[in-house]
């Protein structure tokens, strides 16, 4: 019995080491909740901006002037979850390719394919009710139709919805491992530690999932769909979104060649989104001001919209002056854990994309450029030196923003 038990433990530990996180930490947040995160080994960074510290021994700090910034605020206090998924590594090839984008011969613009209805839609499942949206974790497991049997994951909405009523869509970034089923539970913790079939995942791989606070149904979705995914060392989950960070690879090549994200939703739409911003942020106040980007899911006023996205652009590590966003657009936010300072400094890399508008047939990346002075957090400046150079992005990136500033009297 002891030999068998030791063998099981060794197998679990070996599987766990495949994760970028190696082991799980629980971080108590201000509202008393638990934010489950996964550690990753430090990585060597190549940077065209401020050099990033890459070892856990980054204890040497430089004196720097602390900056106080005004960002969009909310009365909510929430923990931001992160997760990983192995579903992408076992998923069958997508059965539909419509809605993806192909690079033009010039290499500096993308032709946007017309959105085509998904091959199958989720018409067999009744819309989620408010009561279901606040169901307990146990309800997720007991709601599965297949008992303890695990069936193949494949790009078929009726099939996937029948397997798991928490299935809300399919996320794809062409030519990357991001080809994932997306789930949505009644909380932001369940799929951190459970697989697609509801079984506890001892490797802590879990599944990629949408923020729980605004249910995605066959008839409605939030203005900004926030999707969480762990940064897996194998490249699974949302690991590849860190490639949008020019400080990691020394260029914007990944953005130039992968500006389009596709999200097929259970409401029957197959939408393309174009990436317009990305940021590297902290999650703990002991490392500086925290920007709770994940709390903004519906924009109930223009003022909320403008104040939120000015904070996003202040922090964005790149800009594309050939793209703009405007009040009324729909958005997709992708968030993953990213630890260039070591596992003890809890940080995230986040990518923002807006839905391709009707009649928009081409997206140019010709003039995209790296922001050499994004707004970082205090710990970043303590290690690397420097300070924020102030707001320098073109106001044309947000349609109507200049008029809003004038009304505010700025």
Protein backbone atom coordinates (compact mmCIF):
# COMPACT_ATOMS: atom_id res chain seq x y z
CA UNK A 1 0.00 0.00 0.00
CA UNK A 2 2.80 2.43 0.88
CA UNK A 3 4.59 1.72 -2.42
CA UNK A 4 1.38 2.31 -4.38
CA UNK A 5 0.68 5.52 -2.48
CA UNK A 6 4.21 6.84 -3.15
CA UNK A 7 3.86 5.99 -6.85
CA UNK A 8 0.62 7.97 -7.07
CA UNK A 9 2.15 10.95 -5.29
CA UNK A 10 5.17 10.88 -7.62
CA UNK A 11 2.91 10.79 -10.67
CA UNK A 12 0.91 13.76 -9.43
CA UNK A 13 4.06 15.77 -8.74
CA UNK A 14 5.47 14.95 -12.17
CA UNK A 15 2.28 16.08 -13.90
CA UNK A 16 2.24 19.24 -11.84
CA UNK A 17 5.73 20.18 -13.03
CA UNK A 18 4.38 20.48 -16.57
CA UNK A 19 2.55 23.60 -15.55
CA UNK A 20 4.03 27.03 -15.75
CA UNK A 21 2.98 27.29 -12.15
CA UNK A 22 4.72 24.21 -10.68
CA UNK A 23 2.71 24.71 -7.50
CA UNK A 24 -0.39 26.55 -6.42
CA UNK A 25 -0.45 29.58 -4.18
CA UNK A 26 -3.46 31.11 -2.51
CA UNK A 27 -3.45 34.84 -2.16
CA UNK A 28 -5.88 36.47 0.20
CA UNK A 29 -7.37 39.56 -1.42
CA UNK A 30 -9.03 42.58 0.09
CA UNK A 31 -12.57 41.20 -0.05
CA UNK A 32 -11.49 38.14 1.87
CA UNK A 33 -11.70 35.85 -1.16
CA UNK A 34 -9.02 33.59 -2.53
CA UNK A 35 -7.22 34.27 -5.77
CA UNK A 36 -5.69 31.01 -6.96
CA UNK A 37 -2.66 31.58 -9.13
CA UNK A 38 0.05 29.45 -10.65
CA UNK A 39 3.76 30.11 -10.37
CA UNK A 40 6.01 30.09 -13.40
CA UNK A 41 9.76 29.89 -13.66
CA UNK A 42 11.52 33.16 -14.44
CA UNK A 43 12.32 33.70 -18.09
CA UNK A 44 15.03 35.67 -19.81
CA UNK A 45 13.63 38.79 -21.39
CA UNK A 46 14.87 40.64 -24.47
CA UNK A 47 13.66 44.18 -24.36
CA UNK A 48 13.65 47.31 -26.47
CA UNK A 49 12.38 49.29 -23.50
CA UNK A 50 13.30 49.02 -19.84
CA UNK A 51 15.04 45.74 -19.06
CA UNK A 52 13.01 43.32 -16.98
CA UNK A 53 14.41 41.42 -14.01
CA UNK A 54 14.30 37.69 -14.68
CA UNK A 55 15.35 35.93 -11.52
CA UNK A 56 13.66 35.33 -8.23
CA UNK A 57 16.66 36.94 -6.59
CA UNK A 58 15.59 40.34 -7.81
CA UNK A 59 15.89 41.93 -4.42
CA UNK A 60 18.13 44.82 -5.40
CA UNK A 61 15.97 47.88 -5.88
CA UNK A 62 16.57 51.37 -7.14
CA UNK A 63 15.13 54.42 -5.52
CA UNK A 64 12.42 55.92 -7.66
CA UNK A 65 9.76 58.57 -7.39
CA UNK A 66 6.35 57.02 -6.85
CA UNK A 67 3.65 58.18 -9.19
CA UNK A 68 0.03 58.52 -8.21
CA UNK A 69 -2.40 58.01 -11.07
CA UNK A 70 -6.13 58.38 -11.45
CA UNK A 71 -7.75 55.36 -13.08
CA UNK A 72 -11.28 54.15 -13.64
CA UNK A 73 -12.80 53.14 -10.32
CA UNK A 74 -15.52 50.74 -9.31
CA UNK A 75 -17.28 49.96 -6.09
CA UNK A 76 -16.69 46.25 -6.59
CA UNK A 77 -13.90 44.41 -4.81
CA UNK A 78 -13.10 41.15 -6.50
CA UNK A 79 -10.32 38.64 -6.87
CA UNK A 80 -9.04 38.12 -10.38
CA UNK A 81 -8.67 34.41 -11.14
CA UNK A 82 -6.28 32.78 -13.56
CA UNK A 83 -6.46 29.31 -15.05
CA UNK A 84 -4.87 26.90 -17.46
CA UNK A 85 -6.27 24.30 -19.76
CA UNK A 86 -5.18 21.05 -21.37
CA UNK A 87 -8.28 20.95 -23.50
CA UNK A 88 -6.43 22.77 -26.26
CA UNK A 89 -3.83 20.04 -26.49
CA UNK A 90 -6.42 17.32 -26.99
CA UNK A 91 -9.05 19.21 -28.92
CA UNK A 92 -9.86 17.98 -32.41
CA UNK A 93 -9.04 20.35 -35.30
CA UNK A 94 -11.64 23.07 -35.81
CA UNK A 95 -14.38 22.04 -38.23
CA UNK A 96 -14.94 25.59 -39.42
CA UNK A 97 -12.29 28.06 -40.55
CA UNK A 98 -14.51 30.98 -41.52
CA UNK A 99 -13.83 34.12 -39.53
CA UNK A 100 -10.06 33.71 -39.46
CA UNK A 101 -7.75 36.28 -41.05
CA UNK A 102 -5.00 35.89 -43.63
CA UNK A 103 -1.99 38.19 -43.95
CA UNK A 104 -1.85 40.24 -47.11
CA UNK A 105 1.24 39.87 -49.33
CA UNK A 106 2.59 43.16 -48.00
CA UNK A 107 2.76 41.72 -44.52
CA UNK A 108 1.45 44.89 -42.95
CA UNK A 109 -2.29 44.51 -43.18
CA UNK A 110 -4.83 41.82 -42.56
CA UNK A 111 -7.81 40.98 -44.72
CA UNK A 112 -10.81 40.27 -42.55
CA UNK A 113 -13.00 37.43 -43.70
CA UNK A 114 -16.76 37.98 -43.46
CA UNK A 115 -18.20 36.45 -40.32
CA UNK A 116 -20.05 33.25 -41.11
CA UNK A 117 -22.54 31.56 -38.79
CA UNK A 118 -20.94 28.76 -36.82
CA UNK A 119 -21.35 25.28 -38.25
CA UNK A 120 -23.56 24.39 -35.32
CA UNK A 121 -25.29 26.52 -32.72
CA UNK A 122 -26.51 25.91 -29.22
CA UNK A 123 -30.20 25.87 -29.92
CA UNK A 124 -30.96 22.82 -27.86
CA UNK A 125 -30.21 24.33 -24.48
CA UNK A 126 -32.50 26.78 -22.73
CA UNK A 127 -30.98 30.18 -21.87
CA UNK A 128 -29.32 30.39 -18.48
CA UNK A 129 -31.52 32.03 -15.86
CA UNK A 130 -30.46 34.39 -13.09
CA UNK A 131 -30.95 31.59 -10.57
CA UNK A 132 -28.64 29.33 -12.54
CA UNK A 133 -26.08 32.13 -12.80
CA UNK A 134 -25.64 32.09 -9.01
CA UNK A 135 -25.80 28.32 -8.66
CA UNK A 136 -23.35 26.54 -6.39
CA UNK A 137 -20.22 24.82 -7.57
CA UNK A 138 -21.87 21.46 -6.93
CA UNK A 139 -24.64 22.33 -9.39
CA UNK A 140 -22.06 22.51 -12.18
CA UNK A 141 -20.96 18.94 -11.60
CA UNK A 142 -24.41 17.43 -11.09
CA UNK A 143 -25.68 19.20 -14.20
CA UNK A 144 -23.52 17.17 -16.59
CA UNK A 145 -25.46 14.68 -18.71
CA UNK A 146 -22.86 11.96 -19.11
CA UNK A 147 -22.17 10.86 -15.56
CA UNK A 148 -18.52 9.95 -15.06
CA UNK A 149 -17.82 9.20 -18.73
CA UNK A 150 -15.40 11.50 -20.56
CA UNK A 151 -16.15 12.14 -24.22
CA UNK A 152 -13.93 13.72 -26.87
CA UNK A 153 -13.69 17.51 -26.98
CA UNK A 154 -14.42 18.77 -30.47
CA UNK A 155 -15.40 21.95 -32.29
CA UNK A 156 -19.15 21.27 -32.34
CA UNK A 157 -21.40 23.56 -30.34
CA UNK A 158 -24.40 21.23 -29.92
CA UNK A 159 -22.10 18.42 -28.90
CA UNK A 160 -20.09 20.53 -26.44
CA UNK A 161 -23.16 22.15 -24.90
CA UNK A 162 -24.66 18.71 -24.40
CA UNK A 163 -21.49 17.59 -22.60
CA UNK A 164 -21.36 20.61 -20.33
CA UNK A 165 -24.00 23.31 -19.98
CA UNK A 166 -21.25 25.71 -18.81
CA UNK A 167 -19.82 25.78 -22.35
CA UNK A 168 -20.27 29.32 -23.77
CA UNK A 169 -17.97 29.58 -26.79
CA UNK A 170 -14.79 28.77 -28.68
CA UNK A 171 -11.68 30.98 -28.70
CA UNK A 172 -9.11 30.88 -31.52
CA UNK A 173 -5.95 32.74 -32.46
CA UNK A 174 -4.81 31.35 -35.81
CA UNK A 175 -1.53 29.41 -35.94
CA UNK A 176 -1.25 29.17 -32.14
CA UNK A 177 -2.32 26.63 -29.50
CA UNK A 178 -5.16 29.01 -28.59
CA UNK A 179 -7.97 26.90 -30.03
CA UNK A 180 -10.03 26.41 -26.90
CA UNK A 181 -13.52 25.73 -25.58
CA UNK A 182 -14.52 28.46 -23.11
CA UNK A 183 -16.62 27.73 -20.03
CA UNK A 184 -18.44 29.97 -17.57
CA UNK A 185 -19.29 28.90 -14.04
CA UNK A 186 -21.20 30.67 -11.29
CA UNK A 187 -17.87 31.63 -9.70
CA UNK A 188 -14.33 32.34 -10.86
CA UNK A 189 -12.71 29.49 -8.95
CA UNK A 190 -14.32 26.24 -10.08
CA UNK A 191 -12.51 25.86 -13.41
CA UNK A 192 -9.18 26.81 -11.89
CA UNK A 193 -9.04 23.30 -10.47
CA UNK A 194 -11.54 21.25 -12.52
CA UNK A 195 -11.35 19.86 -16.02
CA UNK A 196 -13.98 20.20 -18.76
CA UNK A 197 -15.81 17.15 -17.42
CA UNK A 198 -16.09 18.52 -13.88
CA UNK A 199 -13.44 16.25 -12.38
CA UNK A 200 -10.96 17.70 -9.90
CA UNK A 201 -7.67 18.32 -11.68
CA UNK A 202 -4.76 17.51 -9.38
CA UNK A 203 -2.32 19.06 -11.85
CA UNK A 204 -4.21 22.38 -11.45
CA UNK A 205 -4.48 22.74 -15.23
CA UNK A 206 -8.22 23.41 -15.15
CA UNK A 207 -9.95 25.08 -18.11
CA UNK A 208 -10.11 28.47 -19.79
CA UNK A 209 -13.21 30.34 -18.69
CA UNK A 210 -15.13 33.59 -18.93
CA UNK A 211 -15.65 35.89 -15.96
CA UNK A 212 -18.73 34.80 -14.06
CA UNK A 213 -20.29 38.14 -13.19
CA UNK A 214 -22.26 38.71 -16.42
CA UNK A 215 -23.70 35.42 -17.79
CA UNK A 216 -23.16 34.69 -21.48
CA UNK A 217 -26.35 33.20 -22.90
CA UNK A 218 -27.98 32.42 -26.22
CA UNK A 219 -29.52 35.90 -26.15
CA UNK A 220 -27.02 38.18 -24.38
CA UNK A 221 -23.38 38.81 -23.56
CA UNK A 222 -21.44 41.53 -21.70
CA UNK A 223 -19.93 44.49 -23.54
CA UNK A 224 -16.51 43.20 -22.53
CA UNK A 225 -16.03 39.44 -22.29
CA UNK A 226 -13.15 38.75 -19.91
CA UNK A 227 -11.48 35.35 -20.39
CA UNK A 228 -8.93 33.88 -17.99
CA UNK A 229 -6.35 31.22 -18.80
CA UNK A 230 -3.18 29.92 -17.14
CA UNK A 231 0.20 30.43 -18.75
CA UNK A 232 1.28 26.81 -19.34
CA UNK A 233 4.93 26.07 -20.01
CA UNK A 234 4.00 23.76 -22.88
CA UNK A 235 2.30 26.69 -24.64
CA UNK A 236 -1.23 25.53 -23.86
CA UNK A 237 -3.93 27.70 -22.31
CA UNK A 238 -3.40 31.40 -22.92
CA UNK A 239 0.40 31.19 -22.74
CA UNK A 240 0.85 32.64 -26.22
CA UNK A 241 -0.79 35.98 -25.45
CA UNK A 242 2.45 36.99 -23.72
CA UNK A 243 3.96 37.01 -27.22
CA UNK A 244 2.15 40.32 -27.72
CA UNK A 245 4.56 41.85 -25.18
CA UNK A 246 7.37 43.47 -27.22
CA UNK A 247 9.63 43.60 -24.16
CA UNK A 248 9.63 39.81 -24.12
CA UNK A 249 10.80 39.20 -27.68
CA UNK A 250 12.20 42.56 -28.70
CA UNK A 251 9.70 43.30 -31.45
CA UNK A 252 6.03 43.60 -32.39
CA UNK A 253 6.25 40.78 -34.91
CA UNK A 254 3.72 38.61 -33.14
CA UNK A 255 1.18 41.43 -33.04
CA UNK A 256 1.83 42.30 -36.68
CA UNK A 257 1.17 38.72 -37.76
CA UNK A 258 -1.56 37.82 -35.23
CA UNK A 259 -3.81 40.86 -34.73
CA UNK A 260 -7.07 38.89 -35.04
CA UNK A 261 -8.81 36.86 -32.33
CA UNK A 262 -11.90 34.82 -33.14
CA UNK A 263 -14.64 34.08 -30.61
CA UNK A 264 -17.63 31.94 -31.51
CA UNK A 265 -20.38 32.42 -28.96
CA UNK A 266 -23.37 30.30 -27.96
CA UNK A 267 -25.62 33.15 -29.10
CA UNK A 268 -24.89 31.91 -32.65
CA UNK A 269 -22.45 34.66 -33.63
CA UNK A 270 -18.93 34.10 -34.88
CA UNK A 271 -17.09 37.33 -34.21
CA UNK A 272 -13.63 38.53 -35.09
CA UNK A 273 -11.81 40.89 -32.73
CA UNK A 274 -8.73 42.98 -33.48
CA UNK A 275 -6.10 43.41 -30.77
CA UNK A 276 -5.40 47.05 -29.94
CA UNK A 277 -3.65 47.08 -26.54
CA UNK A 278 -1.72 44.94 -24.08
CA UNK A 279 -0.41 45.59 -20.59
CA UNK A 280 1.77 44.12 -17.83
CA UNK A 281 0.19 44.71 -14.41
CA UNK A 282 0.48 43.76 -10.76
CA UNK A 283 -2.25 42.27 -8.56
CA UNK A 284 -1.08 43.25 -5.06
CA UNK A 285 -1.13 46.75 -3.56
CA UNK A 286 2.21 46.09 -1.86
CA UNK A 287 3.79 46.34 -5.31
CA UNK A 288 1.99 49.54 -6.32
CA UNK A 289 -1.42 50.75 -7.43
CA UNK A 290 -3.60 47.92 -8.76
CA UNK A 291 -5.65 48.43 -11.92
CA UNK A 292 -8.66 46.12 -11.66
CA UNK A 293 -9.20 45.80 -15.41
CA UNK A 294 -11.36 42.68 -15.02
CA UNK A 295 -14.12 44.50 -13.16
CA UNK A 296 -15.29 46.43 -16.24
CA UNK A 297 -17.63 44.16 -18.17
CA UNK A 298 -20.49 46.46 -19.14
CA UNK A 299 -20.08 50.14 -19.99
CA UNK A 300 -23.24 51.77 -18.72
CA UNK A 301 -22.11 55.30 -19.54
CA UNK A 302 -19.71 57.10 -21.87
CA UNK A 303 -17.85 58.47 -18.87
CA UNK A 304 -17.16 54.96 -17.57
CA UNK A 305 -16.04 53.87 -21.03
CA UNK A 306 -13.62 56.78 -21.54
CA UNK A 307 -12.13 56.66 -18.05
CA UNK A 308 -11.56 52.91 -18.29
CA UNK A 309 -9.86 52.89 -21.67
CA UNK A 310 -7.68 55.92 -20.96
CA UNK A 311 -6.30 53.85 -18.08
CA UNK A 312 -5.79 50.92 -20.48
CA UNK A 313 -3.92 53.04 -23.04
CA UNK A 314 -1.76 54.59 -20.31
CA UNK A 315 -0.51 51.06 -19.56
CA UNK A 316 -0.49 49.62 -23.05
CA UNK A 317 2.91 48.41 -24.24
CA UNK A 318 2.09 49.10 -27.90
CA UNK A 319 -0.21 51.26 -30.04
CA UNK A 320 -1.72 50.98 -33.48
CA UNK A 321 -2.72 54.46 -34.75
CA UNK A 322 -4.65 52.87 -37.62
CA UNK A 323 -7.19 51.46 -35.17
CA UNK A 324 -9.60 53.22 -32.87
CA UNK A 325 -12.24 52.18 -30.37
CA UNK A 326 -15.54 53.92 -29.69
CA UNK A 327 -18.38 53.84 -27.23
CA UNK A 328 -20.73 51.05 -28.27
CA UNK A 329 -18.00 48.69 -29.51
CA UNK A 330 -17.83 45.16 -28.08
CA UNK A 331 -14.61 43.89 -26.52
CA UNK A 332 -12.69 40.77 -25.61
CA UNK A 333 -10.11 40.79 -22.80
CA UNK A 334 -7.65 37.90 -22.40
CA UNK A 335 -5.74 37.56 -19.14
CA UNK A 336 -2.95 35.19 -18.09
CA UNK A 337 -0.41 34.94 -15.29
CA UNK A 338 3.11 36.08 -16.21
CA UNK A 339 5.99 36.16 -13.70
CA UNK A 340 9.20 37.71 -15.11
CA UNK A 341 10.06 38.93 -11.58
CA UNK A 342 9.63 35.49 -10.03
CA UNK A 343 6.71 33.67 -8.49
CA UNK A 344 6.53 35.89 -5.42
CA UNK A 345 5.66 38.97 -7.48
CA UNK A 346 2.15 38.20 -8.71
CA UNK A 347 1.66 39.81 -12.11
CA UNK A 348 -0.44 39.41 -15.26
CA UNK A 349 -0.22 40.07 -18.96
CA UNK A 350 -3.52 41.21 -20.47
CA UNK A 351 -4.57 41.70 -24.10
CA UNK A 352 -7.49 43.83 -25.28
CA UNK A 353 -9.34 43.39 -28.58
CA UNK A 354 -12.40 45.06 -30.08
CA UNK A 355 -14.98 43.43 -32.29
CA UNK A 356 -14.56 44.02 -36.03
CA UNK A 357 -17.24 46.50 -37.09
CA UNK A 358 -19.74 45.91 -39.85
CA UNK A 359 -18.19 46.89 -43.18
CA UNK A 360 -14.64 46.83 -41.80
CA UNK A 361 -12.77 44.61 -44.27
CA UNK A 362 -9.10 45.33 -43.60
CA UNK A 363 -7.00 45.94 -40.52
CA UNK A 364 -3.60 47.60 -40.95
CA UNK A 365 -0.65 46.92 -38.67
CA UNK A 366 1.80 48.96 -40.78
CA UNK A 367 2.14 51.81 -38.28
CA UNK A 368 1.96 49.89 -35.00
CA UNK A 369 4.74 50.84 -32.61
CA UNK A 370 6.09 49.99 -29.16
CA UNK A 371 5.26 52.28 -26.27
CA UNK A 372 8.64 52.92 -24.68
CA UNK A 373 7.19 54.37 -21.50
CA UNK A 374 3.99 52.60 -20.46
CA UNK A 375 2.63 53.09 -16.96
CA UNK A 376 3.95 50.22 -14.87
CA UNK A 377 3.69 49.59 -11.12
CA UNK A 378 6.02 50.66 -8.31
CA UNK A 379 7.93 47.39 -8.05
CA UNK A 380 8.77 47.47 -11.76
CA UNK A 381 10.41 50.89 -11.36
CA UNK A 382 12.16 49.85 -8.13
CA UNK A 383 13.89 47.03 -10.01
CA UNK A 384 14.43 48.63 -13.43
CA UNK A 385 14.60 52.29 -12.53
CA UNK A 386 12.83 55.02 -14.42
CA UNK A 387 9.30 56.31 -14.02
CA UNK A 388 6.22 56.87 -16.08
CA UNK A 389 6.68 59.61 -18.67
CA UNK A 390 3.04 60.66 -18.66
CA UNK A 391 0.17 60.24 -21.11
CA UNK A 392 1.54 60.47 -24.65
CA UNK A 393 -0.72 58.24 -26.73
CA UNK A 394 -2.71 59.88 -29.54
CA UNK A 395 -6.20 60.78 -28.35
CA UNK A 396 -7.54 59.63 -31.72
CA UNK A 397 -7.19 56.05 -30.45
CA UNK A 398 -10.51 56.60 -28.63
CA UNK A 399 -13.19 58.19 -30.82
CA UNK A 400 -14.88 61.07 -29.00
CA UNK A 401 -12.31 61.10 -26.20
CA UNK A 402 -11.07 64.65 -26.85
CA UNK A 403 -14.61 66.04 -26.73
CA UNK A 404 -15.23 64.17 -23.48
CA UNK A 405 -12.10 65.71 -21.97
CA UNK A 406 -13.30 69.18 -22.92
CA UNK A 407 -16.66 68.55 -21.28
CA UNK A 408 -14.83 67.44 -18.14
CA UNK A 409 -12.86 70.68 -18.19
CA UNK A 410 -9.51 68.91 -18.43
